[in-house]
Amino acid sequence: MSDVDGDFQDGFHPNPDDPSQPLATTLKPLTAATITVRIVKSFEFRTAKSLILKDVDLVHTTVGGLMEKCREAIKTTPGFKPYRTIQLDTLKLYTVAHGHKTTNLIINLDHDEWILNDHDKTLAEIGAENETELSFFNREAYEAFKRNPEVKWD
């Protein structure tokens, strides 16, 4: 409800320009970030499951190290059983906190320069920060989908 001046008296009314409200990227240090990795099973059927990783050390974790961490989580986390047979070999930046998201729900098909080919770079070196989102997928399936980006329903 608002009073006569139009000011809201109750409820949550965030103001993104208010400097007293910190950005999500500043809430955690680079050594204890939360990141989301979309594990992509099928581009055509838009089949993906999000893997939330907490307390990731972006300063010391390499791209290759993150890939191994994701593979281990897929092997041991109950909800990922259907994803265990996929050959996951490529990580691509999806978005960083407060960045623009694509209309594709599992991967951005543009910005191929966001594919993380150097497995020795740290996540901090590639620009990851708290609440960064990445996609983990099979590169061959990705390239085939880019050539023919047809979404299937059955």
N, C-alpha and C. Protein backbone atom coordinates (compact mmCIF):
# COMPACT_ATOMS: atom_id res chain seq x y z
N MET A 1 0.84 -1.18 0.00
CA MET A 1 0.00 0.00 0.00
C MET A 1 0.88 1.24 0.00
N SER A 2 0.37 2.31 -0.56
CA SER A 2 1.14 3.54 -0.57
C SER A 2 0.38 4.61 0.19
N ASP A 3 1.15 5.54 0.73
CA ASP A 3 0.50 6.65 1.42
C ASP A 3 0.17 7.74 0.41
N VAL A 4 -0.28 8.87 0.88
CA VAL A 4 -0.71 9.94 -0.02
C VAL A 4 0.40 10.46 -0.93
N ASP A 5 1.63 10.37 -0.50
CA ASP A 5 2.75 10.86 -1.31
C ASP A 5 3.20 9.83 -2.34
N GLY A 6 2.59 8.63 -2.31
CA GLY A 6 2.99 7.60 -3.25
C GLY A 6 4.14 6.74 -2.74
N ASP A 7 4.60 6.96 -1.50
CA ASP A 7 5.68 6.14 -0.94
C ASP A 7 5.12 4.81 -0.45
N PHE A 8 5.84 3.74 -0.72
CA PHE A 8 5.41 2.43 -0.26
C PHE A 8 5.81 2.24 1.20
N GLN A 9 4.86 1.77 1.99
CA GLN A 9 5.11 1.60 3.42
C GLN A 9 5.54 0.18 3.77
N ASP A 10 5.13 -0.79 2.98
CA ASP A 10 5.48 -2.17 3.29
C ASP A 10 5.88 -2.90 2.02
N GLY A 11 6.43 -4.07 2.18
CA GLY A 11 6.83 -4.86 1.02
C GLY A 11 8.28 -4.62 0.65
N PHE A 12 8.74 -5.38 -0.32
CA PHE A 12 10.12 -5.29 -0.79
C PHE A 12 10.15 -4.47 -2.06
N HIS A 13 10.85 -3.39 -2.03
CA HIS A 13 10.92 -2.49 -3.18
C HIS A 13 12.38 -2.11 -3.43
N PRO A 14 13.12 -2.99 -4.11
CA PRO A 14 14.55 -2.73 -4.31
C PRO A 14 14.79 -1.55 -5.24
N ASN A 15 15.85 -0.86 -4.96
CA ASN A 15 16.27 0.25 -5.80
C ASN A 15 17.69 -0.06 -6.26
N PRO A 16 17.87 -0.45 -7.52
CA PRO A 16 19.21 -0.83 -7.97
C PRO A 16 20.22 0.31 -7.93
N ASP A 17 19.76 1.54 -7.85
CA ASP A 17 20.68 2.68 -7.80
C ASP A 17 21.09 3.04 -6.38
N ASP A 18 20.52 2.34 -5.39
CA ASP A 18 20.82 2.61 -3.99
C ASP A 18 22.19 2.01 -3.66
N PRO A 19 23.19 2.84 -3.35
CA PRO A 19 24.53 2.31 -3.07
C PRO A 19 24.60 1.45 -1.81
N SER A 20 23.58 1.51 -0.95
CA SER A 20 23.61 0.69 0.26
C SER A 20 23.23 -0.76 -0.03
N GLN A 21 22.75 -1.05 -1.24
CA GLN A 21 22.42 -2.42 -1.63
C GLN A 21 23.58 -2.98 -2.46
N PRO A 22 24.38 -3.87 -1.86
CA PRO A 22 25.56 -4.37 -2.58
C PRO A 22 25.18 -5.29 -3.74
N LEU A 23 26.01 -5.28 -4.77
CA LEU A 23 25.82 -6.18 -5.90
C LEU A 23 26.19 -7.60 -5.48
N ALA A 24 25.57 -8.59 -6.11
CA ALA A 24 25.83 -9.99 -5.77
C ALA A 24 27.30 -10.35 -5.97
N THR A 25 27.96 -9.69 -6.90
CA THR A 25 29.37 -10.00 -7.17
C THR A 25 30.27 -9.59 -6.01
N THR A 26 29.80 -8.69 -5.17
CA THR A 26 30.62 -8.22 -4.05
C THR A 26 30.27 -8.89 -2.74
N LEU A 27 29.26 -9.75 -2.73
CA LEU A 27 28.82 -10.37 -1.48
C LEU A 27 29.76 -11.47 -1.00
N LYS A 28 30.50 -12.07 -1.90
CA LYS A 28 31.42 -13.15 -1.54
C LYS A 28 32.78 -12.88 -2.17
N PRO A 29 33.84 -13.29 -1.50
CA PRO A 29 35.17 -13.11 -2.10
C PRO A 29 35.39 -14.08 -3.25
N LEU A 30 36.37 -13.79 -4.09
CA LEU A 30 36.69 -14.66 -5.22
C LEU A 30 37.13 -16.05 -4.76
N THR A 31 37.48 -16.19 -3.50
CA THR A 31 37.92 -17.49 -2.99
C THR A 31 36.76 -18.32 -2.43
N ALA A 32 35.54 -17.80 -2.46
CA ALA A 32 34.38 -18.54 -1.93
C ALA A 32 33.12 -18.20 -2.72
N ALA A 33 33.21 -18.27 -4.03
CA ALA A 33 32.10 -17.86 -4.90
C ALA A 33 31.10 -19.00 -5.10
N THR A 34 29.89 -18.61 -5.49
CA THR A 34 28.87 -19.56 -5.91
C THR A 34 28.72 -19.43 -7.41
N ILE A 35 28.82 -20.55 -8.12
CA ILE A 35 28.63 -20.53 -9.57
C ILE A 35 27.61 -21.59 -9.97
N THR A 36 26.97 -21.35 -11.09
CA THR A 36 26.00 -22.29 -11.65
C THR A 36 26.55 -22.83 -12.96
N VAL A 37 26.53 -24.15 -13.09
CA VAL A 37 26.98 -24.79 -14.32
C VAL A 37 25.80 -25.54 -14.91
N ARG A 38 25.40 -25.16 -16.11
CA ARG A 38 24.33 -25.88 -16.81
C ARG A 38 24.94 -27.10 -17.48
N ILE A 39 24.52 -28.27 -17.04
CA ILE A 39 25.00 -29.51 -17.65
C ILE A 39 24.04 -29.82 -18.79
N VAL A 40 24.52 -29.72 -20.02
CA VAL A 40 23.66 -29.84 -21.20
C VAL A 40 23.68 -31.28 -21.71
N LYS A 41 22.50 -31.89 -21.74
CA LYS A 41 22.36 -33.24 -22.28
C LYS A 41 21.99 -33.19 -23.76
N SER A 42 21.04 -32.31 -24.11
CA SER A 42 20.60 -32.21 -25.50
C SER A 42 20.27 -30.76 -25.83
N PHE A 43 20.87 -30.26 -26.89
CA PHE A 43 20.56 -28.91 -27.35
C PHE A 43 19.20 -28.89 -28.04
N GLU A 44 18.92 -29.92 -28.85
CA GLU A 44 17.68 -29.97 -29.62
C GLU A 44 16.45 -30.01 -28.73
N PHE A 45 16.54 -30.78 -27.64
CA PHE A 45 15.40 -30.92 -26.74
C PHE A 45 15.49 -29.99 -25.53
N ARG A 46 16.51 -29.14 -25.52
CA ARG A 46 16.74 -28.20 -24.41
C ARG A 46 16.80 -28.91 -23.06
N THR A 47 17.50 -30.01 -23.03
CA THR A 47 17.62 -30.78 -21.81
C THR A 47 18.91 -30.39 -21.10
N ALA A 48 18.76 -29.79 -19.94
CA ALA A 48 19.91 -29.38 -19.14
C ALA A 48 19.50 -29.37 -17.67
N LYS A 49 20.48 -29.53 -16.82
CA LYS A 49 20.23 -29.49 -15.38
C LYS A 49 21.31 -28.60 -14.77
N SER A 50 20.90 -27.75 -13.86
CA SER A 50 21.85 -26.83 -13.22
C SER A 50 22.55 -27.50 -12.05
N LEU A 51 23.85 -27.33 -12.03
CA LEU A 51 24.68 -27.79 -10.93
C LEU A 51 25.17 -26.54 -10.21
N ILE A 52 24.77 -26.39 -8.96
CA ILE A 52 25.16 -25.22 -8.16
C ILE A 52 26.39 -25.61 -7.35
N LEU A 53 27.46 -24.89 -7.55
CA LEU A 53 28.70 -25.14 -6.81
C LEU A 53 28.96 -23.97 -5.88
N LYS A 54 29.08 -24.28 -4.60
CA LYS A 54 29.30 -23.23 -3.59
C LYS A 54 30.75 -23.25 -3.12
N ASP A 55 31.19 -22.11 -2.64
CA ASP A 55 32.54 -21.95 -2.09
C ASP A 55 33.63 -22.36 -3.07
N VAL A 56 33.48 -21.96 -4.32
CA VAL A 56 34.48 -22.24 -5.35
C VAL A 56 35.57 -21.16 -5.27
N ASP A 57 36.80 -21.59 -5.22
CA ASP A 57 37.94 -20.67 -5.20
C ASP A 57 38.29 -20.31 -6.65
N LEU A 58 37.81 -19.17 -7.10
CA LEU A 58 38.01 -18.75 -8.49
C LEU A 58 39.46 -18.37 -8.78
N VAL A 59 40.19 -18.02 -7.74
CA VAL A 59 41.58 -17.60 -7.91
C VAL A 59 42.49 -18.79 -8.22
N HIS A 60 42.19 -19.95 -7.64
CA HIS A 60 43.06 -21.12 -7.80
C HIS A 60 42.46 -22.24 -8.64
N THR A 61 41.14 -22.26 -8.83
CA THR A 61 40.50 -23.32 -9.62
C THR A 61 40.67 -23.01 -11.10
N THR A 62 41.21 -23.98 -11.83
CA THR A 62 41.38 -23.81 -13.27
C THR A 62 40.12 -24.27 -14.00
N VAL A 63 40.05 -23.94 -15.27
CA VAL A 63 38.94 -24.40 -16.11
C VAL A 63 38.91 -25.93 -16.11
N GLY A 64 40.07 -26.56 -16.29
CA GLY A 64 40.15 -28.01 -16.26
C GLY A 64 39.75 -28.58 -14.90
N GLY A 65 40.15 -27.91 -13.84
CA GLY A 65 39.77 -28.34 -12.49
C GLY A 65 38.27 -28.26 -12.27
N LEU A 66 37.65 -27.22 -12.80
CA LEU A 66 36.19 -27.10 -12.69
C LEU A 66 35.50 -28.20 -13.48
N MET A 67 36.02 -28.52 -14.65
CA MET A 67 35.43 -29.59 -15.45
C MET A 67 35.47 -30.91 -14.67
N GLU A 68 36.59 -31.20 -14.03
CA GLU A 68 36.70 -32.43 -13.23
C GLU A 68 35.75 -32.41 -12.04
N LYS A 69 35.65 -31.26 -11.40
CA LYS A 69 34.74 -31.12 -10.25
C LYS A 69 33.29 -31.38 -10.68
N CYS A 70 32.93 -30.88 -11.84
CA CYS A 70 31.57 -31.10 -12.36
C CYS A 70 31.35 -32.57 -12.70
N ARG A 71 32.34 -33.20 -13.34
CA ARG A 71 32.21 -34.63 -13.68
C ARG A 71 32.04 -35.48 -12.42
N GLU A 72 32.79 -35.16 -11.38
CA GLU A 72 32.67 -35.90 -10.11
C GLU A 72 31.30 -35.69 -9.49
N ALA A 73 30.81 -34.46 -9.52
CA ALA A 73 29.48 -34.18 -8.96
C ALA A 73 28.40 -34.92 -9.74
N ILE A 74 28.54 -35.00 -11.04
CA ILE A 74 27.56 -35.72 -11.87
C ILE A 74 27.56 -37.21 -11.51
N LYS A 75 28.74 -37.77 -11.25
CA LYS A 75 28.85 -39.19 -10.88
C LYS A 75 28.20 -39.49 -9.53
N THR A 76 28.24 -38.53 -8.61
CA THR A 76 27.83 -38.81 -7.23
C THR A 76 26.51 -38.18 -6.81
N THR A 77 25.99 -37.24 -7.57
CA THR A 77 24.75 -36.56 -7.20
C THR A 77 23.57 -37.31 -7.80
N PRO A 78 22.60 -37.73 -6.98
CA PRO A 78 21.50 -38.57 -7.46
C PRO A 78 20.73 -38.02 -8.66
N GLY A 79 20.42 -36.76 -8.72
CA GLY A 79 19.60 -36.22 -9.80
C GLY A 79 20.27 -36.16 -11.15
N PHE A 80 21.55 -36.49 -11.22
CA PHE A 80 22.30 -36.38 -12.47
C PHE A 80 22.52 -37.72 -13.16
N LYS A 81 21.86 -38.78 -12.72
CA LYS A 81 22.08 -40.10 -13.31
C LYS A 81 21.89 -40.11 -14.84
N PRO A 82 20.85 -39.44 -15.39
CA PRO A 82 20.70 -39.44 -16.86
C PRO A 82 21.82 -38.71 -17.61
N TYR A 83 22.65 -37.95 -16.89
CA TYR A 83 23.70 -37.16 -17.51
C TYR A 83 25.07 -37.86 -17.46
N ARG A 84 25.13 -39.02 -16.86
CA ARG A 84 26.41 -39.70 -16.63
C ARG A 84 27.02 -40.30 -17.88
N THR A 85 26.23 -40.51 -18.92
CA THR A 85 26.76 -41.14 -20.14
C THR A 85 27.24 -40.13 -21.18
N ILE A 86 27.02 -38.86 -20.93
CA ILE A 86 27.40 -37.82 -21.90
C ILE A 86 28.89 -37.53 -21.79
N GLN A 87 29.53 -37.37 -22.93
CA GLN A 87 30.94 -36.98 -22.93
C GLN A 87 30.99 -35.45 -22.88
N LEU A 88 31.17 -34.92 -21.69
CA LEU A 88 31.23 -33.47 -21.49
C LEU A 88 32.68 -33.04 -21.64
N ASP A 89 32.93 -32.15 -22.62
CA ASP A 89 34.32 -31.78 -22.89
C ASP A 89 34.55 -30.28 -23.06
N THR A 90 33.49 -29.48 -22.94
CA THR A 90 33.64 -28.04 -23.22
C THR A 90 32.85 -27.21 -22.22
N LEU A 91 33.48 -26.15 -21.73
CA LEU A 91 32.82 -25.15 -20.89
C LEU A 91 32.71 -23.86 -21.67
N LYS A 92 31.59 -23.18 -21.50
CA LYS A 92 31.39 -21.88 -22.14
C LYS A 92 30.72 -20.95 -21.15
N LEU A 93 31.20 -19.73 -21.09
CA LEU A 93 30.60 -18.73 -20.23
C LEU A 93 29.19 -18.43 -20.72
N TYR A 94 28.22 -18.48 -19.82
CA TYR A 94 26.84 -18.16 -20.17
C TYR A 94 26.56 -16.70 -19.82
N THR A 95 26.84 -16.33 -18.60
CA THR A 95 26.68 -14.93 -18.18
C THR A 95 27.38 -14.73 -16.84
N VAL A 96 27.71 -13.50 -16.54
CA VAL A 96 28.19 -13.14 -15.21
C VAL A 96 27.06 -12.42 -14.50
N ALA A 97 27.15 -12.31 -13.20
CA ALA A 97 26.11 -11.64 -12.43
C ALA A 97 25.88 -10.24 -12.98
N HIS A 98 24.64 -9.87 -13.12
CA HIS A 98 24.21 -8.56 -13.61
C HIS A 98 24.50 -8.37 -15.10
N GLY A 99 24.88 -9.44 -15.79
CA GLY A 99 25.12 -9.37 -17.23
C GLY A 99 23.85 -9.71 -17.99
N HIS A 100 23.88 -9.52 -19.28
CA HIS A 100 22.73 -9.82 -20.13
C HIS A 100 22.68 -11.31 -20.43
N LYS A 101 21.48 -11.88 -20.34
CA LYS A 101 21.30 -13.29 -20.66
C LYS A 101 20.74 -13.42 -22.06
N THR A 102 21.03 -14.54 -22.67
CA THR A 102 20.53 -14.84 -24.00
C THR A 102 19.10 -15.36 -23.90
N THR A 103 18.41 -15.42 -25.01
CA THR A 103 17.05 -15.98 -25.00
C THR A 103 17.08 -17.50 -24.99
N ASN A 104 18.20 -18.10 -25.36
CA ASN A 104 18.33 -19.56 -25.28
C ASN A 104 18.57 -19.93 -23.82
N LEU A 105 17.77 -20.83 -23.30
CA LEU A 105 17.80 -21.12 -21.87
C LEU A 105 18.98 -21.96 -21.42
N ILE A 106 19.68 -22.63 -22.33
CA ILE A 106 20.77 -23.48 -21.87
C ILE A 106 22.16 -23.04 -22.33
N ILE A 107 22.23 -22.29 -23.42
CA ILE A 107 23.54 -21.84 -23.91
C ILE A 107 23.35 -20.63 -24.82
N ASN A 108 24.36 -19.77 -24.85
CA ASN A 108 24.34 -18.68 -25.82
C ASN A 108 25.07 -19.16 -27.07
N LEU A 109 24.41 -19.06 -28.20
CA LEU A 109 24.99 -19.55 -29.45
C LEU A 109 25.94 -18.55 -30.09
N ASP A 110 25.87 -17.31 -29.64
CA ASP A 110 26.83 -16.33 -30.14
C ASP A 110 28.04 -16.33 -29.19
N HIS A 111 28.95 -15.49 -29.41
CA HIS A 111 30.14 -15.34 -28.57
C HIS A 111 30.94 -16.63 -28.43
N ASP A 112 31.35 -17.20 -29.54
CA ASP A 112 32.19 -18.40 -29.46
C ASP A 112 33.52 -18.12 -28.76
N GLU A 113 33.89 -16.86 -28.66
CA GLU A 113 35.11 -16.52 -27.92
C GLU A 113 34.95 -16.76 -26.42
N TRP A 114 33.72 -17.00 -25.96
CA TRP A 114 33.47 -17.31 -24.55
C TRP A 114 33.67 -18.79 -24.25
N ILE A 115 33.96 -19.60 -25.27
CA ILE A 115 34.29 -21.01 -25.03
C ILE A 115 35.66 -21.04 -24.36
N LEU A 116 35.76 -21.79 -23.29
CA LEU A 116 36.97 -21.81 -22.47
C LEU A 116 37.90 -22.93 -22.95
N ASN A 117 38.71 -22.61 -23.95
CA ASN A 117 39.60 -23.59 -24.56
C ASN A 117 40.88 -23.82 -23.76
N ASP A 118 41.31 -22.83 -23.00
CA ASP A 118 42.54 -22.96 -22.22
C ASP A 118 42.20 -23.52 -20.84
N HIS A 119 42.43 -24.81 -20.67
CA HIS A 119 42.05 -25.49 -19.42
C HIS A 119 42.98 -25.15 -18.27
N ASP A 120 44.08 -24.46 -18.54
CA ASP A 120 45.02 -24.09 -17.48
C ASP A 120 44.74 -22.72 -16.88
N LYS A 121 43.88 -21.94 -17.51
CA LYS A 121 43.54 -20.63 -16.96
C LYS A 121 42.67 -20.80 -15.72
N THR A 122 42.84 -19.88 -14.76
CA THR A 122 41.97 -19.93 -13.58
C THR A 122 40.64 -19.28 -13.92
N LEU A 123 39.64 -19.58 -13.11
CA LEU A 123 38.32 -19.01 -13.35
C LEU A 123 38.35 -17.49 -13.19
N ALA A 124 39.18 -16.99 -12.28
CA ALA A 124 39.32 -15.54 -12.13
C ALA A 124 39.92 -14.93 -13.39
N GLU A 125 40.87 -15.62 -14.01
CA GLU A 125 41.51 -15.11 -15.23
C GLU A 125 40.53 -15.01 -16.40
N ILE A 126 39.52 -15.86 -16.43
CA ILE A 126 38.55 -15.81 -17.54
C ILE A 126 37.41 -14.84 -17.22
N GLY A 127 37.46 -14.19 -16.05
CA GLY A 127 36.46 -13.18 -15.71
C GLY A 127 35.32 -13.68 -14.84
N ALA A 128 35.42 -14.90 -14.32
CA ALA A 128 34.36 -15.42 -13.45
C ALA A 128 34.37 -14.67 -12.12
N GLU A 129 33.19 -14.50 -11.58
CA GLU A 129 33.01 -13.87 -10.27
C GLU A 129 31.82 -14.53 -9.61
N ASN A 130 31.49 -14.10 -8.41
CA ASN A 130 30.36 -14.69 -7.70
C ASN A 130 29.10 -14.63 -8.58
N GLU A 131 28.39 -15.73 -8.65
CA GLU A 131 27.15 -15.89 -9.41
C GLU A 131 27.35 -15.93 -10.93
N THR A 132 28.53 -16.31 -11.36
CA THR A 132 28.77 -16.55 -12.78
C THR A 132 28.04 -17.83 -13.19
N GLU A 133 27.55 -17.87 -14.43
CA GLU A 133 26.88 -19.05 -14.95
C GLU A 133 27.64 -19.54 -16.19
N LEU A 134 27.84 -20.87 -16.25
CA LEU A 134 28.55 -21.49 -17.36
C LEU A 134 27.72 -22.64 -17.91
N SER A 135 28.02 -23.05 -19.13
CA SER A 135 27.40 -24.24 -19.72
C SER A 135 28.49 -25.27 -19.95
N PHE A 136 28.20 -26.54 -19.62
CA PHE A 136 29.14 -27.65 -19.79
C PHE A 136 28.49 -28.65 -20.73
N PHE A 137 29.15 -28.96 -21.84
CA PHE A 137 28.48 -29.71 -22.90
C PHE A 137 29.48 -30.48 -23.75
N ASN A 138 28.94 -31.23 -24.70
CA ASN A 138 29.74 -31.95 -25.69
C ASN A 138 29.94 -31.02 -26.89
N ARG A 139 31.18 -30.75 -27.23
CA ARG A 139 31.51 -29.77 -28.28
C ARG A 139 30.95 -30.20 -29.64
N GLU A 140 31.05 -31.48 -29.96
CA GLU A 140 30.56 -31.97 -31.25
C GLU A 140 29.05 -31.74 -31.37
N ALA A 141 28.31 -32.00 -30.29
CA ALA A 141 26.86 -31.78 -30.30
C ALA A 141 26.53 -30.29 -30.43
N TYR A 142 27.34 -29.45 -29.79
CA TYR A 142 27.16 -28.00 -29.87
C TYR A 142 27.35 -27.51 -31.31
N GLU A 143 28.43 -27.95 -31.95
CA GLU A 143 28.71 -27.52 -33.33
C GLU A 143 27.61 -27.99 -34.28
N ALA A 144 27.11 -29.20 -34.08
CA ALA A 144 26.01 -29.72 -34.92
C ALA A 144 24.75 -28.88 -34.72
N PHE A 145 24.47 -28.50 -33.48
CA PHE A 145 23.28 -27.69 -33.20
C PHE A 145 23.43 -26.29 -33.78
N LYS A 146 24.63 -25.74 -33.75
CA LYS A 146 24.85 -24.41 -34.35
C LYS A 146 24.60 -24.43 -35.85
N ARG A 147 24.99 -25.53 -36.51
CA ARG A 147 24.76 -25.64 -37.96
C ARG A 147 23.27 -25.76 -38.27
N ASN A 148 22.52 -26.39 -37.39
CA ASN A 148 21.08 -26.59 -37.60
C ASN A 148 20.37 -26.42 -36.25
N PRO A 149 20.11 -25.16 -35.84
CA PRO A 149 19.54 -24.90 -34.51
C PRO A 149 18.03 -25.16 -34.42
N GLU A 150 17.65 -26.37 -34.72
CA GLU A 150 16.24 -26.75 -34.68
C GLU A 150 15.91 -27.34 -33.32
N VAL A 151 14.86 -26.79 -32.68
CA VAL A 151 14.41 -27.29 -31.39
C VAL A 151 13.33 -28.32 -31.64
N LYS A 152 13.46 -29.47 -30.98
CA LYS A 152 12.50 -30.56 -31.15
C LYS A 152 11.65 -30.69 -29.89
N TRP A 153 10.43 -31.18 -30.08
CA TRP A 153 9.51 -31.34 -28.94
C TRP A 153 9.17 -32.79 -28.68
N ASP A 154 9.44 -33.69 -29.64
CA ASP A 154 9.13 -35.11 -29.42
C ASP A 154 10.12 -35.99 -30.12
